[in-house]
Amino acid sequence: MSWLPNIITIARLLLVPVIIGFILLTEYLAAFWVFALAGVSDALDGYLANKLKAVSELGGYLDPIADKILLVGLCLTLGFLGEIPGWLVSFVVLRDVLIVSGAMVVLMITGSLKMEPLAVSKINTLAQIVLVGLVLASQGFSFDGALDMACEVAVYVVAATTFISGSAYVFLWGRRLVVLQRRA
């Protein structure tokens, strides 16, 4: 059963095109429920990995990759349709490119990389989940603007946590490289 958490994570990855398809077909309610299922699967794979003592290196990489593909894919889609501001989508994608690029530089220079998400990065991921969920709920349940203020607040929370998280990773990668340079 040690494979079960990774299978659940892979299933979450497979839900991404389904959710995007529903959004493109303007089936926002269906997209909302499949997105909610993806969220439950994220919690479930982590719980099972711990409960079954099935925490693996593969899972350690797969889970955050699945989260990024899900959130960036949905942000890009919702941004393309004008449901999320384009500047925010650009900001979110830039942060992720920055983090991956920094990680690759550290890996190339040091020969190793230990992925440890920062607390602010987890807060940023949660803020993105809330924003996407609010947008899908707003469209899917036809609340006639009742969630507009919550969506607007969520946009700025995502922007702030994206900036703080990106800055924290730049600082972290830079500090690691400076320490390595001093040792050399």
Protein backbone atom coordinates (compact mmCIF):
# COMPACT_ATOMS: atom_id res chain seq x y z
CA MET A 1 0.00 0.00 0.00
CA SER A 2 3.03 2.29 0.07
CA TRP A 3 2.25 3.18 -3.55
CA LEU A 4 -1.27 4.49 -2.76
CA PRO A 5 -0.35 8.11 -1.85
CA ASN A 6 1.62 8.49 -5.10
CA ILE A 7 -1.27 7.04 -7.14
CA ILE A 8 -3.61 9.58 -5.54
CA THR A 9 -1.16 12.38 -6.41
CA ILE A 10 -0.96 11.17 -10.02
CA ALA A 11 -4.78 11.06 -10.14
CA ARG A 12 -4.79 14.71 -8.98
CA LEU A 13 -2.51 15.54 -11.91
CA LEU A 14 -4.95 13.82 -14.26
CA LEU A 15 -7.79 15.98 -12.89
CA VAL A 16 -6.10 19.18 -14.10
CA PRO A 17 -7.14 18.88 -17.78
CA VAL A 18 -10.63 17.82 -16.67
CA ILE A 19 -11.03 20.98 -14.57
CA ILE A 20 -9.59 23.16 -17.33
CA GLY A 21 -11.95 21.52 -19.83
CA PHE A 22 -14.95 22.28 -17.63
CA ILE A 23 -13.81 25.89 -17.25
CA LEU A 24 -13.36 26.30 -21.01
CA LEU A 25 -16.84 24.87 -21.52
CA THR A 26 -18.09 27.39 -18.90
CA GLU A 27 -19.18 24.51 -16.70
CA TYR A 28 -17.93 26.31 -13.59
CA LEU A 29 -20.00 24.30 -11.11
CA ALA A 30 -18.52 21.03 -12.39
CA ALA A 31 -15.06 22.64 -12.37
CA PHE A 32 -15.62 23.72 -8.75
CA TRP A 33 -16.54 20.21 -7.60
CA VAL A 34 -13.66 18.53 -9.43
CA PHE A 35 -11.33 21.20 -7.98
CA ALA A 36 -12.73 20.39 -4.52
CA LEU A 37 -12.05 16.70 -5.21
CA ALA A 38 -8.47 17.57 -6.16
CA GLY A 39 -8.15 19.43 -2.85
CA VAL A 40 -9.45 16.46 -0.89
CA SER A 41 -7.02 14.19 -2.77
CA ASP A 42 -4.15 16.49 -1.78
CA ALA A 43 -5.05 16.18 1.89
CA LEU A 44 -5.69 12.44 1.56
CA ASP A 45 -2.36 11.57 -0.08
CA GLY A 46 -0.45 13.39 2.66
CA TYR A 47 -2.50 11.75 5.39
CA LEU A 48 -2.06 8.27 3.90
CA ALA A 49 1.67 8.78 3.34
CA ASN A 50 2.08 9.51 7.04
CA LYS A 51 -0.43 6.91 8.29
CA LEU A 52 0.95 4.10 6.12
CA LYS A 53 4.54 5.22 6.72
CA ALA A 54 4.77 5.55 2.95
CA VAL A 55 6.55 8.90 2.76
CA SER A 56 8.85 8.64 -0.24
CA GLU A 57 11.33 10.79 -2.10
CA LEU A 58 9.18 10.42 -5.22
CA GLY A 59 6.13 11.61 -3.31
CA GLY A 60 8.14 14.51 -1.93
CA TYR A 61 8.67 15.72 -5.49
CA LEU A 62 5.34 14.62 -7.02
CA ASP A 63 3.07 16.33 -4.50
CA PRO A 64 4.36 19.90 -4.88
CA ILE A 65 4.65 19.43 -8.65
CA ALA A 66 1.01 18.32 -8.78
CA ASP A 67 0.02 21.34 -6.69
CA LYS A 68 1.93 23.72 -8.97
CA ILE A 69 0.54 22.21 -12.18
CA LEU A 70 -2.98 22.37 -10.76
CA LEU A 71 -2.77 25.94 -9.51
CA VAL A 72 -0.72 27.43 -12.35
CA GLY A 73 -2.87 25.66 -14.94
CA LEU A 74 -6.07 26.97 -13.39
CA CYS A 75 -4.66 30.47 -12.86
CA LEU A 76 -3.55 30.60 -16.50
CA THR A 77 -6.95 29.39 -17.70
CA LEU A 78 -8.92 31.75 -15.46
CA GLY A 79 -6.57 34.59 -16.38
CA PHE A 80 -7.03 33.88 -20.09
CA LEU A 81 -10.79 34.11 -19.58
CA GLY A 82 -10.48 37.33 -17.57
CA GLU A 83 -11.68 35.78 -14.31
CA ILE A 84 -8.34 36.53 -12.59
CA PRO A 85 -6.30 39.65 -13.43
CA GLY A 86 -3.58 39.00 -15.98
CA TRP A 87 -0.99 40.85 -13.90
CA LEU A 88 -1.58 38.44 -11.02
CA VAL A 89 -1.27 35.40 -13.27
CA SER A 90 2.03 36.79 -14.61
CA PHE A 91 3.22 37.41 -11.06
CA VAL A 92 2.33 33.87 -9.92
CA VAL A 93 4.02 32.27 -12.95
CA LEU A 94 7.10 34.51 -12.58
CA ARG A 95 7.47 33.48 -8.93
CA ASP A 96 7.30 29.79 -9.82
CA VAL A 97 9.81 30.21 -12.66
CA LEU A 98 12.07 32.11 -10.26
CA ILE A 99 11.86 29.38 -7.63
CA VAL A 100 12.49 26.56 -10.10
CA SER A 101 15.37 28.48 -11.72
CA GLY A 102 16.94 29.21 -8.35
CA ALA A 103 16.60 25.59 -7.31
CA MET A 104 18.23 24.45 -10.55
CA VAL A 105 21.15 26.87 -10.05
CA VAL A 106 21.66 25.61 -6.49
CA LEU A 107 21.45 22.00 -7.74
CA MET A 108 23.98 22.64 -10.52
CA ILE A 109 26.43 24.38 -8.20
CA THR A 110 26.07 22.15 -5.13
CA GLY A 111 25.16 18.85 -6.74
CA SER A 112 22.27 18.39 -4.30
CA LEU A 113 18.95 19.94 -3.53
CA LYS A 114 16.67 19.34 -0.60
CA MET A 115 13.18 20.63 -1.22
CA GLU A 116 11.75 22.18 1.93
CA PRO A 117 8.75 24.42 1.31
CA LEU A 118 8.80 27.58 3.38
CA ALA A 119 5.84 28.41 5.63
CA VAL A 120 5.10 31.53 3.56
CA SER A 121 5.07 29.35 0.43
CA LYS A 122 2.45 27.09 2.02
CA ILE A 123 0.42 30.19 2.90
CA ASN A 124 0.77 31.36 -0.71
CA THR A 125 -0.44 28.00 -2.00
CA LEU A 126 -3.42 28.16 0.36
CA ALA A 127 -4.21 31.72 -0.80
CA GLN A 128 -4.11 30.56 -4.44
CA ILE A 129 -6.42 27.64 -3.63
CA VAL A 130 -8.87 29.99 -1.91
CA LEU A 131 -8.78 32.44 -4.84
CA VAL A 132 -9.38 29.75 -7.46
CA GLY A 133 -12.11 28.17 -5.31
CA LEU A 134 -13.82 31.54 -4.82
CA VAL A 135 -13.71 32.34 -8.54
CA LEU A 136 -15.09 28.92 -9.48
CA ALA A 137 -17.77 29.13 -6.77
CA SER A 138 -18.71 32.66 -7.80
CA GLN A 139 -19.22 31.57 -11.40
CA GLY A 140 -20.58 28.09 -10.72
CA PHE A 141 -23.15 28.93 -8.08
CA SER A 142 -24.23 32.20 -9.77
CA PHE A 143 -23.95 34.29 -6.62
CA ASP A 144 -24.53 37.46 -8.69
CA GLY A 145 -21.57 39.36 -7.33
CA ALA A 146 -21.90 38.20 -3.72
CA LEU A 147 -18.32 36.90 -3.76
CA ASP A 148 -16.83 39.80 -5.74
CA MET A 149 -15.36 41.48 -2.65
CA ALA A 150 -13.96 38.18 -1.35
CA CYS A 151 -12.39 37.49 -4.76
CA GLU A 152 -10.87 40.97 -4.87
CA VAL A 153 -9.40 40.58 -1.38
CA ALA A 154 -8.08 37.14 -2.34
CA VAL A 155 -6.36 38.64 -5.41
CA TYR A 156 -4.38 41.02 -3.21
CA VAL A 157 -3.62 38.35 -0.61
CA VAL A 158 -2.24 36.14 -3.39
CA ALA A 159 -0.22 39.06 -4.75
CA ALA A 160 1.26 39.84 -1.33
CA THR A 161 2.07 36.23 -0.42
CA THR A 162 3.49 35.64 -3.89
CA PHE A 163 5.84 38.59 -3.47
CA ILE A 164 6.88 37.60 0.06
CA SER A 165 7.34 33.96 -0.88
CA GLY A 166 9.33 34.73 -4.03
CA SER A 167 11.54 37.16 -2.11
CA ALA A 168 12.11 34.59 0.63
CA TYR A 169 13.27 31.99 -1.89
CA VAL A 170 15.59 34.47 -3.62
CA PHE A 171 17.08 35.28 -0.21
CA LEU A 172 17.37 31.56 0.67
CA TRP A 173 19.03 30.57 -2.63
CA GLY A 174 21.35 33.60 -2.45
CA ARG A 175 22.37 32.81 1.12
CA ARG A 176 23.14 29.19 0.23
CA LEU A 177 25.33 30.28 -2.64
CA VAL A 178 27.17 32.89 -0.52
CA VAL A 179 27.86 30.30 2.18
CA LEU A 180 29.19 27.90 -0.44
CA GLN A 181 31.38 30.60 -1.97
CA ARG A 182 32.87 31.42 1.43
CA ARG A 183 33.68 27.76 2.04
CA ALA A 184 35.50 27.50 -1.30
